[in-house]
C-alpha atoms as a PDB file:
ATOM      1  CA  MET A   1     -28.505  -5.125  19.779  1.00  0.00           C
ATOM      2  CA  LYS A   2     -26.339  -4.491  23.289  1.00  0.00           C
ATOM      3  CA  ALA A   3     -25.676  -7.295  25.412  1.00  0.00           C
ATOM      4  CA  ALA A   4     -27.661  -7.059  28.794  1.00  0.00           C
ATOM      5  CA  THR A   5     -25.450  -6.328  31.693  1.00  0.00           C
ATOM      6  CA  ALA A   6     -26.059  -8.165  35.168  1.00  0.00           C
ATOM      7  CA  ASP A   7     -27.440  -4.902  36.731  1.00  0.00           C
ATOM      8  CA  SER A   8     -29.928  -4.369  33.651  1.00  0.00           C
ATOM      9  CA  LEU A   9     -30.882  -8.192  33.885  1.00  0.00           C
ATOM     10  CA  ALA A  10     -31.590  -7.986  37.533  1.00  0.00           C
ATOM     11  CA  ARG A  11     -33.838  -4.878  37.065  1.00  0.00           C
ATOM     12  CA  ILE A  12     -35.694  -6.802  34.244  1.00  0.00           C
ATOM     13  CA  PHE A  13     -36.321  -9.940  36.183  1.00  0.00           C
ATOM     14  CA  THR A  14     -37.334  -7.958  39.659  1.00  0.00           C
ATOM     15  CA  ALA A  15     -39.898  -5.997  37.162  1.00  0.00           C
ATOM     16  CA  LEU A  16     -41.324  -9.338  35.768  1.00  0.00           C
ATOM     17  CA  ALA A  17     -41.388 -10.958  39.191  1.00  0.00           C
ATOM     18  CA  ASP A  18     -44.938  -9.375  39.528  1.00  0.00           C
ATOM     19  CA  PRO A  19     -47.839 -11.132  37.757  1.00  0.00           C
ATOM     20  CA  THR A  20     -49.477  -7.708  37.161  1.00  0.00           C
ATOM     21  CA  ARG A  21     -46.610  -6.220  35.479  1.00  0.00           C
ATOM     22  CA  VAL A  22     -46.271  -9.622  33.643  1.00  0.00           C
ATOM     23  CA  ALA A  23     -49.835  -9.170  32.265  1.00  0.00           C
ATOM     24  CA  ILE A  24     -49.243  -5.635  31.513  1.00  0.00           C
ATOM     25  CA  VAL A  25     -46.460  -6.584  29.392  1.00  0.00           C
ATOM     26  CA  ALA A  26     -48.430  -9.237  27.597  1.00  0.00           C
ATOM     27  CA  ARG A  27     -50.963  -6.455  26.880  1.00  0.00           C
ATOM     28  CA  LEU A  28     -48.522  -4.178  25.509  1.00  0.00           C
ATOM     29  CA  ALA A  29     -47.231  -6.760  23.279  1.00  0.00           C
ATOM     30  CA  GLN A  30     -50.331  -6.412  21.569  1.00  0.00           C
ATOM     31  CA  GLY A  31     -50.043  -2.669  21.009  1.00  0.00           C
ATOM     32  CA  ASP A  32     -49.433   0.722  22.867  1.00  0.00           C
ATOM     33  CA  ALA A  33     -52.061   1.186  25.689  1.00  0.00           C
ATOM     34  CA  THR A  34     -52.908   4.194  28.193  1.00  0.00           C
ATOM     35  CA  VAL A  35     -52.979   3.879  31.772  1.00  0.00           C
ATOM     36  CA  LYS A  36     -56.771   3.935  31.433  1.00  0.00           C
ATOM     37  CA  GLU A  37     -56.822   0.948  28.973  1.00  0.00           C
ATOM     38  CA  LEU A  38     -54.235  -1.092  30.935  1.00  0.00           C
ATOM     39  CA  THR A  39     -56.445  -0.349  34.139  1.00  0.00           C
ATOM     40  CA  GLU A  40     -59.577  -2.031  32.476  1.00  0.00           C
ATOM     41  CA  PRO A  41     -58.630  -5.705  32.841  1.00  0.00           C
ATOM     42  CA  PHE A  42     -57.324  -5.368  36.468  1.00  0.00           C
ATOM     43  CA  ALA A  43     -59.026  -4.554  39.671  1.00  0.00           C
ATOM     44  CA  LEU A  44     -56.398  -1.775  40.273  1.00  0.00           C
ATOM     45  CA  THR A  45     -56.754   1.868  40.276  1.00  0.00           C
ATOM     46  CA  GLN A  46     -55.054   3.993  37.595  1.00  0.00           C
ATOM     47  CA  GLN A  47     -52.472   4.917  40.277  1.00  0.00           C
ATOM     48  CA  ALA A  48     -51.491   1.367  40.784  1.00  0.00           C
ATOM     49  CA  VAL A  49     -51.258   0.658  37.053  1.00  0.00           C
ATOM     50  CA  SER A  50     -49.080   3.660  36.808  1.00  0.00           C
ATOM     51  CA  ARG A  51     -46.755   2.459  39.731  1.00  0.00           C
ATOM     52  CA  HIS A  52     -46.370  -0.685  37.631  1.00  0.00           C
ATOM     53  CA  LEU A  53     -45.463   1.003  34.659  1.00  0.00           C
ATOM     54  CA  LYS A  54     -42.921   3.185  36.439  1.00  0.00           C
ATOM     55  CA  VAL A  55     -41.166  -0.147  37.621  1.00  0.00           C
ATOM     56  CA  LEU A  56     -41.321  -1.563  34.193  1.00  0.00           C
ATOM     57  CA  ALA A  57     -39.817   1.982  32.844  1.00  0.00           C
ATOM     58  CA  GLU A  58     -36.906   1.941  35.219  1.00  0.00           C
ATOM     59  CA  ALA A  59     -36.364  -1.632  33.984  1.00  0.00           C
ATOM     60  CA  GLY A  60     -36.438  -0.328  30.257  1.00  0.00           C
ATOM     61  CA  LEU A  61     -39.284  -2.452  29.232  1.00  0.00           C
ATOM     62  CA  VAL A  62     -41.665   0.418  28.790  1.00  0.00           C
ATOM     63  CA  THR A  63     -41.534   3.938  27.372  1.00  0.00           C
ATOM     64  CA  ARG A  64     -44.278   6.556  27.452  1.00  0.00           C
ATOM     65  CA  ARG A  65     -44.855   9.444  25.151  1.00  0.00           C
ATOM     66  CA  GLN A  66     -47.115  12.137  24.896  1.00  0.00           C
ATOM     67  CA  VAL A  67     -49.805  12.136  22.407  1.00  0.00           C
ATOM     68  CA  ALA A  68     -52.321  15.073  22.719  1.00  0.00           C
ATOM     69  CA  GLN A  69     -53.678  14.668  26.252  1.00  0.00           C
ATOM     70  CA  ALA A  70     -52.945  10.679  26.493  1.00  0.00           C
ATOM     71  CA  ARG A  71     -49.513   9.264  27.391  1.00  0.00           C
ATOM     72  CA  PRO A  72     -49.709   5.880  25.981  1.00  0.00           C
ATOM     73  CA  ALA A  73     -47.020   3.146  26.957  1.00  0.00           C
ATOM     74  CA  SER A  74     -45.085   1.240  24.491  1.00  0.00           C
ATOM     75  CA  LEU A  75     -43.291  -1.910  25.153  1.00  0.00           C
ATOM     76  CA  GLU A  76     -39.537  -2.036  24.443  1.00  0.00           C
ATOM     77  CA  VAL A  77     -39.312  -5.348  22.518  1.00  0.00           C
ATOM     78  CA  GLU A  78     -35.423  -5.045  22.000  1.00  0.00           C
ATOM     79  CA  ARG A  79     -35.033  -5.275  26.003  1.00  0.00           C
ATOM     80  CA  LEU A  80     -36.990  -8.407  26.004  1.00  0.00           C
ATOM     81  CA  VAL A  81     -34.734 -10.010  22.868  1.00  0.00           C
ATOM     82  CA  GLU A  82     -31.836  -9.100  25.150  1.00  0.00           C
ATOM     83  CA  VAL A  83     -33.049 -11.301  28.002  1.00  0.00           C
ATOM     84  CA  LEU A  84     -34.134 -14.010  25.600  1.00  0.00           C
ATOM     85  CA  THR A  85     -30.504 -13.947  24.214  1.00  0.00           C
ATOM     86  CA  TRP A  86     -29.029 -14.129  27.747  1.00  0.00           C
ATOM     87  CA  ILE A  87     -31.315 -17.217  28.495  1.00  0.00           C
ATOM     88  CA  ASP A  88     -30.692 -18.846  25.153  1.00  0.00           C
ATOM     89  CA  ALA A  89     -26.884 -18.560  26.144  1.00  0.00           C
ATOM     90  CA  ARG A  90     -27.498 -19.969  29.602  1.00  0.00           C
ATOM     91  CA  ARG A  91     -29.429 -22.780  27.866  1.00  0.00           C
ATOM     92  CA  ALA A  92     -26.849 -23.902  25.348  1.00  0.00           C
ATOM     93  CA  GLU A  93     -24.141 -23.736  28.467  1.00  0.00           C
ATOM     94  CA  TRP A  94     -26.627 -26.230  30.408  1.00  0.00           C
ATOM     95  CA  ASN A  95     -27.089 -28.421  27.451  1.00  0.00           C
ATOM     96  CA  GLN A  96     -23.467 -28.862  27.129  1.00  0.00           C
ATOM     97  CA  ARG A  97     -22.943 -29.402  30.316  1.00  0.00           C
ATOM     98  CA  HIS A  98     -25.618 -32.063  30.424  1.00  0.00           C
ATOM     99  CA  ASP A  99     -24.229 -33.705  27.536  1.00  0.00           C
ATOM    100  CA  ARG A 100     -20.789 -33.928  29.142  1.00  0.00           C
ATOM    101  CA  LEU A 101     -22.176 -35.364  32.259  1.00  0.00           C
ATOM    102  CA  ALA A 102     -24.312 -37.759  30.086  1.00  0.00           C
ATOM    103  CA  GLU A 103     -21.101 -38.658  28.027  1.00  0.00           C
ATOM    104  CA  HIS A 104     -19.239 -39.244  31.619  1.00  0.00           C
ATOM    105  CA  LEU A 105     -21.831 -41.407  33.199  1.00  0.00           C
ATOM    106  CA  ARG A 106     -22.026 -43.762  29.795  1.00  0.00           C
ATOM    107  CA  ARG A 107     -18.098 -44.020  30.223  1.00  0.00           C
ATOM    108  CA  LEU A 108     -18.424 -44.914  33.806  1.00  0.00           C
ATOM    109  CA  THR A 109     -21.175 -47.589  33.333  1.00  0.00           C
ATOM    110  CA  GLY A 110     -19.612 -48.949  30.191  1.00  0.00           C
ATOM    111  CA  ASP A 111     -22.790 -48.057  28.272  1.00  0.00           C
ATOM    112  CA  ASP A 112     -21.896 -47.900  24.509  1.00  0.00           C
ATOM    113  CA  ARG A 113     -25.455 -46.759  23.407  1.00  0.00           C
END
């Protein structure tokens, strides 16, 4: 797995900033789907869903392929794993900072707990 760059993270977070795109990603996590299938739960046109898919594809979160007449979309789970890896690293940093701050405050107050 490659590390996500700042630019790719920005594209992914931007793509996921829209609730409809988050819902599309959640649906694709259940399995591949065509634009028509993705349109069903939304009050959107197929063109609107296609535009959302384009944004997700540009972020690397979705790929599309030709299967006969259909072009199903697939979720690129590896890209989400890259984001989660980045988030986990930040979480570890934040926890370490919190622990250092808590230790510093304990020393300042003389609390030996």
